[in-house]
Amino acid sequence: GTLNNLPMMNVSFEKATSRKSSITFSFGFKSGIVTESDYDRFKSRSNKLMVVYNGDETLTFFNGDVRYNQSYFSLSKTFYLLRYGSIAPQGKFIRYGFSLHSYKINKDMMTYSYYDDQDQKISFSHPVDNYKSKKLGFINFEFGSMRFISKNFFIRKAVAFNLPLNFWRTTGNKTFNSIEDFNETNLGYFISNTQKINFSLGLGFAF
């Protein structure tokens, strides 16, 4: 989806704990779309959506997209390889920490369908009010550099590797009887995959 190409916007507060280390608190938010095509990797794990029709589970098809909001909070520790003559943390760094992501589907634009006993296609939509906020945890490892471009302003660029802690929610070969559970689990799987590797570029102010 188009919105999934937009980066997550975040704000970080970093406090030096020594000349070579610091603690960072970060907050971020984005809105996104998961389209029908984004479900392919999830479905390839043999996950199926089966609604109950006349007392029997019936394979359910779908097309469209779901839209969601995602936010996160992270706490991390950073160690710097100081630039020559530095009296404060800057230069290349290694960072590790933990982040907690919260997400919620706010629009279900999917059309769901199944075939009845007369082989007639029955289509229906699903109310968004049934969706709840879900949480995902990640262990984070980040490598980058920070360089001052003036007395107070600096530029930071980094690459982060994030290990998701929600493997239990993305087990393959599972049959879902709940549309909410199916979409929320798929979205968790989607976020876990898109967050595994992140690239960031930021402008900061030191005071």
C-alpha atoms as a PDB file:
ATOM      1  CA  GLY A   1       0.000   0.000   0.000  1.00  0.00           C
ATOM      2  CA  THR A   2       1.067   3.571  -0.642  1.00  0.00           C
ATOM      3  CA  LEU A   3       1.152   4.602   3.021  1.00  0.00           C
ATOM      4  CA  ASN A   4       3.453   1.696   3.851  1.00  0.00           C
ATOM      5  CA  ASN A   5       6.136   3.447   1.803  1.00  0.00           C
ATOM      6  CA  LEU A   6       6.133   6.373   4.205  1.00  0.00           C
ATOM      7  CA  PRO A   7       8.748   6.225   6.979  1.00  0.00           C
ATOM      8  CA  MET A   8       7.802   6.168  10.623  1.00  0.00           C
ATOM      9  CA  MET A   9       8.218   9.584  12.184  1.00  0.00           C
ATOM     10  CA  ASN A  10       9.914   9.561  15.582  1.00  0.00           C
ATOM     11  CA  VAL A  11      11.309  11.822  18.278  1.00  0.00           C
ATOM     12  CA  SER A  12      14.259  10.809  20.472  1.00  0.00           C
ATOM     13  CA  PHE A  13      15.624  12.186  23.722  1.00  0.00           C
ATOM     14  CA  GLU A  14      19.216  11.225  24.469  1.00  0.00           C
ATOM     15  CA  LYS A  15      21.021  11.855  27.757  1.00  0.00           C
ATOM     16  CA  ALA A  16      24.776  11.398  28.089  1.00  0.00           C
ATOM     17  CA  THR A  17      25.799   9.158  30.976  1.00  0.00           C
ATOM     18  CA  SER A  18      29.552   9.520  30.291  1.00  0.00           C
ATOM     19  CA  ARG A  19      31.897  10.733  27.540  1.00  0.00           C
ATOM     20  CA  LYS A  20      31.339   7.465  25.669  1.00  0.00           C
ATOM     21  CA  SER A  21      27.779   6.404  26.450  1.00  0.00           C
ATOM     22  CA  SER A  22      24.188   7.598  26.684  1.00  0.00           C
ATOM     23  CA  ILE A  23      20.604   6.487  27.292  1.00  0.00           C
ATOM     24  CA  THR A  24      17.927   7.196  24.671  1.00  0.00           C
ATOM     25  CA  PHE A  25      14.124   7.331  24.870  1.00  0.00           C
ATOM     26  CA  SER A  26      12.274   7.287  21.527  1.00  0.00           C
ATOM     27  CA  PHE A  27       8.655   7.655  20.437  1.00  0.00           C
ATOM     28  CA  GLY A  28       7.240   7.109  16.952  1.00  0.00           C
ATOM     29  CA  PHE A  29       4.004   6.937  14.977  1.00  0.00           C
ATOM     30  CA  LYS A  30       2.741   6.060  11.499  1.00  0.00           C
ATOM     31  CA  SER A  31      -0.419   5.154   9.623  1.00  0.00           C
ATOM     32  CA  GLY A  32      -0.328   2.366   7.074  1.00  0.00           C
ATOM     33  CA  ILE A  33      -2.201   0.116   4.689  1.00  0.00           C
ATOM     34  CA  VAL A  34      -1.934  -3.650   4.329  1.00  0.00           C
ATOM     35  CA  THR A  35      -3.268  -4.720   0.946  1.00  0.00           C
ATOM     36  CA  GLU A  36      -4.474  -8.051  -0.328  1.00  0.00           C
ATOM     37  CA  SER A  37      -1.055  -8.661  -1.920  1.00  0.00           C
ATOM     38  CA  ASP A  38       0.672  -8.094   1.430  1.00  0.00           C
ATOM     39  CA  TYR A  39      -1.202 -11.159   2.727  1.00  0.00           C
ATOM     40  CA  ASP A  40       0.574 -13.488   0.297  1.00  0.00           C
ATOM     41  CA  ARG A  41       3.556 -14.210   2.533  1.00  0.00           C
ATOM     42  CA  PHE A  42       1.248 -14.838   5.473  1.00  0.00           C
ATOM     43  CA  LYS A  43      -1.015 -17.138   3.433  1.00  0.00           C
ATOM     44  CA  SER A  44       1.996 -19.020   2.075  1.00  0.00           C
ATOM     45  CA  ARG A  45       2.443 -20.361   5.616  1.00  0.00           C
ATOM     46  CA  SER A  46      -0.859 -22.262   5.091  1.00  0.00           C
ATOM     47  CA  ASN A  47      -2.915 -19.922   7.242  1.00  0.00           C
ATOM     48  CA  LYS A  48      -6.610 -20.026   6.323  1.00  0.00           C
ATOM     49  CA  LEU A  49      -9.679 -17.986   7.194  1.00  0.00           C
ATOM     50  CA  MET A  50     -12.756 -20.207   7.707  1.00  0.00           C
ATOM     51  CA  VAL A  51     -16.135 -18.738   8.691  1.00  0.00           C
ATOM     52  CA  VAL A  52     -18.941 -20.897  10.045  1.00  0.00           C
ATOM     53  CA  TYR A  53     -21.854 -21.409   7.636  1.00  0.00           C
ATOM     54  CA  ASN A  54     -24.735 -23.776   8.523  1.00  0.00           C
ATOM     55  CA  GLY A  55     -22.621 -25.170  11.337  1.00  0.00           C
ATOM     56  CA  ASP A  56     -19.645 -26.006   9.091  1.00  0.00           C
ATOM     57  CA  GLU A  57     -16.364 -24.192   8.549  1.00  0.00           C
ATOM     58  CA  THR A  58     -16.284 -22.644   5.079  1.00  0.00           C
ATOM     59  CA  LEU A  59     -13.193 -21.347   3.311  1.00  0.00           C
ATOM     60  CA  THR A  60     -13.452 -17.562   3.097  1.00  0.00           C
ATOM     61  CA  PHE A  61     -11.908 -15.372   0.392  1.00  0.00           C
ATOM     62  CA  PHE A  62     -11.172 -11.670   0.636  1.00  0.00           C
ATOM     63  CA  ASN A  63      -9.977  -8.688  -1.375  1.00  0.00           C
ATOM     64  CA  GLY A  64      -9.228  -5.072  -0.525  1.00  0.00           C
ATOM     65  CA  ASP A  65      -7.112  -3.714   2.315  1.00  0.00           C
ATOM     66  CA  VAL A  66      -7.028  -2.905   6.007  1.00  0.00           C
ATOM     67  CA  ARG A  67      -5.718   0.362   7.440  1.00  0.00           C
ATOM     68  CA  TYR A  68      -3.999   0.752  10.747  1.00  0.00           C
ATOM     69  CA  ASN A  69      -2.189   3.056  13.163  1.00  0.00           C
ATOM     70  CA  GLN A  70       1.135   2.034  14.694  1.00  0.00           C
ATOM     71  CA  SER A  71       3.109   3.659  17.499  1.00  0.00           C
ATOM     72  CA  TYR A  72       6.122   2.650  19.539  1.00  0.00           C
ATOM     73  CA  PHE A  73       8.259   3.466  22.552  1.00  0.00           C
ATOM     74  CA  SER A  74      11.868   2.374  22.954  1.00  0.00           C
ATOM     75  CA  LEU A  75      14.588   2.506  25.594  1.00  0.00           C
ATOM     76  CA  SER A  76      18.193   1.939  24.558  1.00  0.00           C
ATOM     77  CA  LYS A  77      21.825   2.220  25.636  1.00  0.00           C
ATOM     78  CA  THR A  78      24.447   3.651  23.286  1.00  0.00           C
ATOM     79  CA  PHE A  79      28.234   3.317  23.247  1.00  0.00           C
ATOM     80  CA  TYR A  80      30.320   5.702  21.128  1.00  0.00           C
ATOM     81  CA  LEU A  81      33.733   5.377  19.502  1.00  0.00           C
ATOM     82  CA  LEU A  82      34.684   8.990  20.158  1.00  0.00           C
ATOM     83  CA  ARG A  83      35.973  11.254  17.429  1.00  0.00           C
ATOM     84  CA  TYR A  84      39.429  12.668  18.127  1.00  0.00           C
ATOM     85  CA  GLY A  85      39.247  15.481  20.682  1.00  0.00           C
ATOM     86  CA  SER A  86      35.593  14.878  21.548  1.00  0.00           C
ATOM     87  CA  ILE A  87      34.403  15.750  25.023  1.00  0.00           C
ATOM     88  CA  ALA A  88      30.833  14.478  24.449  1.00  0.00           C
ATOM     89  CA  PRO A  89      29.321  11.391  22.811  1.00  0.00           C
ATOM     90  CA  GLN A  90      29.605  11.539  19.010  1.00  0.00           C
ATOM     91  CA  GLY A  91      31.110   9.600  16.113  1.00  0.00           C
ATOM     92  CA  LYS A  92      30.382   5.943  15.335  1.00  0.00           C
ATOM     93  CA  PHE A  93      28.159   4.128  17.810  1.00  0.00           C
ATOM     94  CA  ILE A  94      26.596   0.815  18.769  1.00  0.00           C
ATOM     95  CA  ARG A  95      23.162   0.806  20.394  1.00  0.00           C
ATOM     96  CA  TYR A  96      21.048  -1.924  21.926  1.00  0.00           C
ATOM     97  CA  GLY A  97      17.670  -1.804  23.599  1.00  0.00           C
ATOM     98  CA  PHE A  98      14.022  -2.798  23.651  1.00  0.00           C
ATOM     99  CA  SER A  99      11.013  -1.364  21.815  1.00  0.00           C
ATOM    100  CA  LEU A 100       7.303  -1.908  22.336  1.00  0.00           C
ATOM    101  CA  HIS A 101       5.000  -1.362  19.352  1.00  0.00           C
ATOM    102  CA  SER A 102       1.249  -0.890  19.550  1.00  0.00           C
ATOM    103  CA  TYR A 103      -1.008  -1.258  16.520  1.00  0.00           C
ATOM    104  CA  LYS A 104      -4.724  -1.193  15.801  1.00  0.00           C
ATOM    105  CA  ILE A 105      -6.788  -1.685  12.657  1.00  0.00           C
ATOM    106  CA  ASN A 106      -8.931   1.433  12.223  1.00  0.00           C
ATOM    107  CA  LYS A 107     -10.513   0.623   8.826  1.00  0.00           C
ATOM    108  CA  ASP A 108     -11.396  -2.796   7.432  1.00  0.00           C
ATOM    109  CA  MET A 109     -11.852  -2.197   3.698  1.00  0.00           C
ATOM    110  CA  MET A 110     -11.855  -5.908   2.863  1.00  0.00           C
ATOM    111  CA  THR A 111     -14.750  -7.611   1.102  1.00  0.00           C
ATOM    112  CA  TYR A 112     -15.153 -11.173   2.376  1.00  0.00           C
ATOM    113  CA  SER A 113     -16.905 -13.932   0.462  1.00  0.00           C
ATOM    114  CA  TYR A 114     -17.726 -17.639   0.530  1.00  0.00           C
ATOM    115  CA  TYR A 115     -19.921 -20.039  -1.447  1.00  0.00           C
ATOM    116  CA  ASP A 116     -23.135 -21.441   0.005  1.00  0.00           C
ATOM    117  CA  ASP A 117     -24.728 -24.866  -0.525  1.00  0.00           C
ATOM    118  CA  GLN A 118     -26.094 -23.781  -3.919  1.00  0.00           C
ATOM    119  CA  ASP A 119     -22.633 -22.606  -4.967  1.00  0.00           C
ATOM    120  CA  GLN A 120     -23.791 -18.991  -4.781  1.00  0.00           C
ATOM    121  CA  LYS A 121     -21.194 -16.407  -3.804  1.00  0.00           C
ATOM    122  CA  ILE A 122     -22.049 -14.599  -0.566  1.00  0.00           C
ATOM    123  CA  SER A 123     -20.129 -11.369   0.070  1.00  0.00           C
ATOM    124  CA  PHE A 124     -20.059  -9.288   3.237  1.00  0.00           C
ATOM    125  CA  SER A 125     -18.037  -6.645   5.077  1.00  0.00           C
ATOM    126  CA  HIS A 126     -16.803  -6.624   8.659  1.00  0.00           C
ATOM    127  CA  PRO A 127     -17.289  -3.858  11.293  1.00  0.00           C
ATOM    128  CA  VAL A 128     -14.098  -2.170  12.425  1.00  0.00           C
ATOM    129  CA  ASP A 129     -15.405  -1.675  15.986  1.00  0.00           C
ATOM    130  CA  ASN A 130     -14.460  -5.258  16.876  1.00  0.00           C
ATOM    131  CA  TYR A 131     -10.713  -4.678  16.520  1.00  0.00           C
ATOM    132  CA  LYS A 132      -8.542  -4.164  19.595  1.00  0.00           C
ATOM    133  CA  SER A 133      -5.095  -2.673  20.133  1.00  0.00           C
ATOM    134  CA  LYS A 134      -2.288  -5.236  19.989  1.00  0.00           C
ATOM    135  CA  LYS A 135       1.327  -5.038  21.113  1.00  0.00           C
ATOM    136  CA  LEU A 136       4.617  -6.360  19.752  1.00  0.00           C
ATOM    137  CA  GLY A 137       8.022  -6.369  21.427  1.00  0.00           C
ATOM    138  CA  PHE A 138      11.420  -6.154  19.722  1.00  0.00           C
ATOM    139  CA  ILE A 139      15.032  -6.446  20.839  1.00  0.00           C
ATOM    140  CA  ASN A 140      16.980  -3.788  18.938  1.00  0.00           C
ATOM    141  CA  PHE A 141      20.590  -3.590  17.729  1.00  0.00           C
ATOM    142  CA  GLU A 142      21.664  -0.432  15.922  1.00  0.00           C
ATOM    143  CA  PHE A 143      24.899   0.709  14.245  1.00  0.00           C
ATOM    144  CA  GLY A 144      25.529   4.233  13.020  1.00  0.00           C
ATOM    145  CA  SER A 145      27.292   7.539  13.384  1.00  0.00           C
ATOM    146  CA  MET A 146      26.563  10.992  14.747  1.00  0.00           C
ATOM    147  CA  ARG A 147      28.331  14.142  13.538  1.00  0.00           C
ATOM    148  CA  PHE A 148      27.941  17.730  14.705  1.00  0.00           C
ATOM    149  CA  ILE A 149      27.446  20.214  11.870  1.00  0.00           C
ATOM    150  CA  SER A 150      27.460  23.241  14.186  1.00  0.00           C
ATOM    151  CA  LYS A 151      27.825  23.968  17.874  1.00  0.00           C
ATOM    152  CA  ASN A 152      24.389  22.539  18.679  1.00  0.00           C
ATOM    153  CA  PHE A 153      23.041  20.736  15.606  1.00  0.00           C
ATOM    154  CA  PHE A 154      24.035  17.232  14.559  1.00  0.00           C
ATOM    155  CA  ILE A 155      23.166  14.615  11.956  1.00  0.00           C
ATOM    156  CA  ARG A 156      22.647  10.950  12.825  1.00  0.00           C
ATOM    157  CA  LYS A 157      22.400   8.062  10.387  1.00  0.00           C
ATOM    158  CA  ALA A 158      22.034   4.407  11.328  1.00  0.00           C
ATOM    159  CA  VAL A 159      20.871   0.926  10.420  1.00  0.00           C
ATOM    160  CA  ALA A 160      18.940  -1.126  12.989  1.00  0.00           C
ATOM    161  CA  PHE A 161      18.241  -4.840  13.272  1.00  0.00           C
ATOM    162  CA  ASN A 162      15.133  -5.663  15.281  1.00  0.00           C
ATOM    163  CA  LEU A 163      14.371  -9.155  16.572  1.00  0.00           C
ATOM    164  CA  PRO A 164      10.586  -9.639  17.046  1.00  0.00           C
ATOM    165  CA  LEU A 165       9.359 -11.385  20.172  1.00  0.00           C
ATOM    166  CA  ASN A 166       5.973 -12.407  18.741  1.00  0.00           C
ATOM    167  CA  PHE A 167       6.875 -15.668  16.992  1.00  0.00           C
ATOM    168  CA  TRP A 168       4.036 -17.407  18.834  1.00  0.00           C
ATOM    169  CA  ARG A 169       1.533 -15.175  17.002  1.00  0.00           C
ATOM    170  CA  THR A 170       2.834 -16.009  13.520  1.00  0.00           C
ATOM    171  CA  THR A 171       2.909 -19.787  13.600  1.00  0.00           C
ATOM    172  CA  GLY A 172       2.023 -21.253  10.195  1.00  0.00           C
ATOM    173  CA  ASN A 173      -0.550 -23.907   9.269  1.00  0.00           C
ATOM    174  CA  LYS A 174      -3.278 -22.348  11.378  1.00  0.00           C
ATOM    175  CA  THR A 175      -7.006 -22.071  10.717  1.00  0.00           C
ATOM    176  CA  PHE A 176      -8.736 -18.880  11.881  1.00  0.00           C
ATOM    177  CA  ASN A 177     -12.468 -18.769  12.584  1.00  0.00           C
ATOM    178  CA  SER A 178     -12.355 -15.122  13.645  1.00  0.00           C
ATOM    179  CA  ILE A 179     -11.853 -12.357  11.066  1.00  0.00           C
ATOM    180  CA  GLU A 180     -10.413 -10.109  13.789  1.00  0.00           C
ATOM    181  CA  ASP A 181      -7.879 -12.722  14.866  1.00  0.00           C
ATOM    182  CA  PHE A 182      -6.923 -13.434  11.254  1.00  0.00           C
ATOM    183  CA  ASN A 183      -6.348  -9.775  10.340  1.00  0.00           C
ATOM    184  CA  GLU A 184      -4.667  -8.803  13.614  1.00  0.00           C
ATOM    185  CA  THR A 185      -2.303 -11.777  13.471  1.00  0.00           C
ATOM    186  CA  ASN A 186      -1.486 -11.079   9.844  1.00  0.00           C
ATOM    187  CA  LEU A 187      -0.814  -7.417  10.620  1.00  0.00           C
ATOM    188  CA  GLY A 188       1.481  -8.436  13.485  1.00  0.00           C
ATOM    189  CA  TYR A 189       3.332 -10.744  11.093  1.00  0.00           C
ATOM    190  CA  PHE A 190       3.541  -7.948   8.504  1.00  0.00           C
ATOM    191  CA  ILE A 191       4.909  -5.420  11.024  1.00  0.00           C
ATOM    192  CA  SER A 192       7.431  -7.958  12.336  1.00  0.00           C
ATOM    193  CA  ASN A 193       8.792  -8.420   8.832  1.00  0.00           C
ATOM    194  CA  THR A 194       8.893  -4.742   7.893  1.00  0.00           C
ATOM    195  CA  GLN A 195      10.608  -3.802  11.174  1.00  0.00           C
ATOM    196  CA  LYS A 196      13.405  -6.388  10.989  1.00  0.00           C
ATOM    197  CA  ILE A 197      15.784  -3.943   9.270  1.00  0.00           C
ATOM    198  CA  ASN A 198      15.383  -0.157   9.486  1.00  0.00           C
ATOM    199  CA  PHE A 199      17.419   2.695   8.061  1.00  0.00           C
ATOM    200  CA  SER A 200      17.211   6.080   9.725  1.00  0.00           C
ATOM    201  CA  LEU A 201      18.420   9.610   9.113  1.00  0.00           C
ATOM    202  CA  GLY A 202      17.832  12.337  11.649  1.00  0.00           C
ATOM    203  CA  LEU A 203      18.639  15.914  12.576  1.00  0.00           C
ATOM    204  CA  GLY A 204      19.181  16.693  16.248  1.00  0.00           C
ATOM    205  CA  PHE A 205      19.761  19.580  18.616  1.00  0.00           C
ATOM    206  CA  ALA A 206      22.080  19.333  21.624  1.00  0.00           C
ATOM    207  CA  PHE A 207      21.644  21.540  24.699  1.00  0.00           C
END
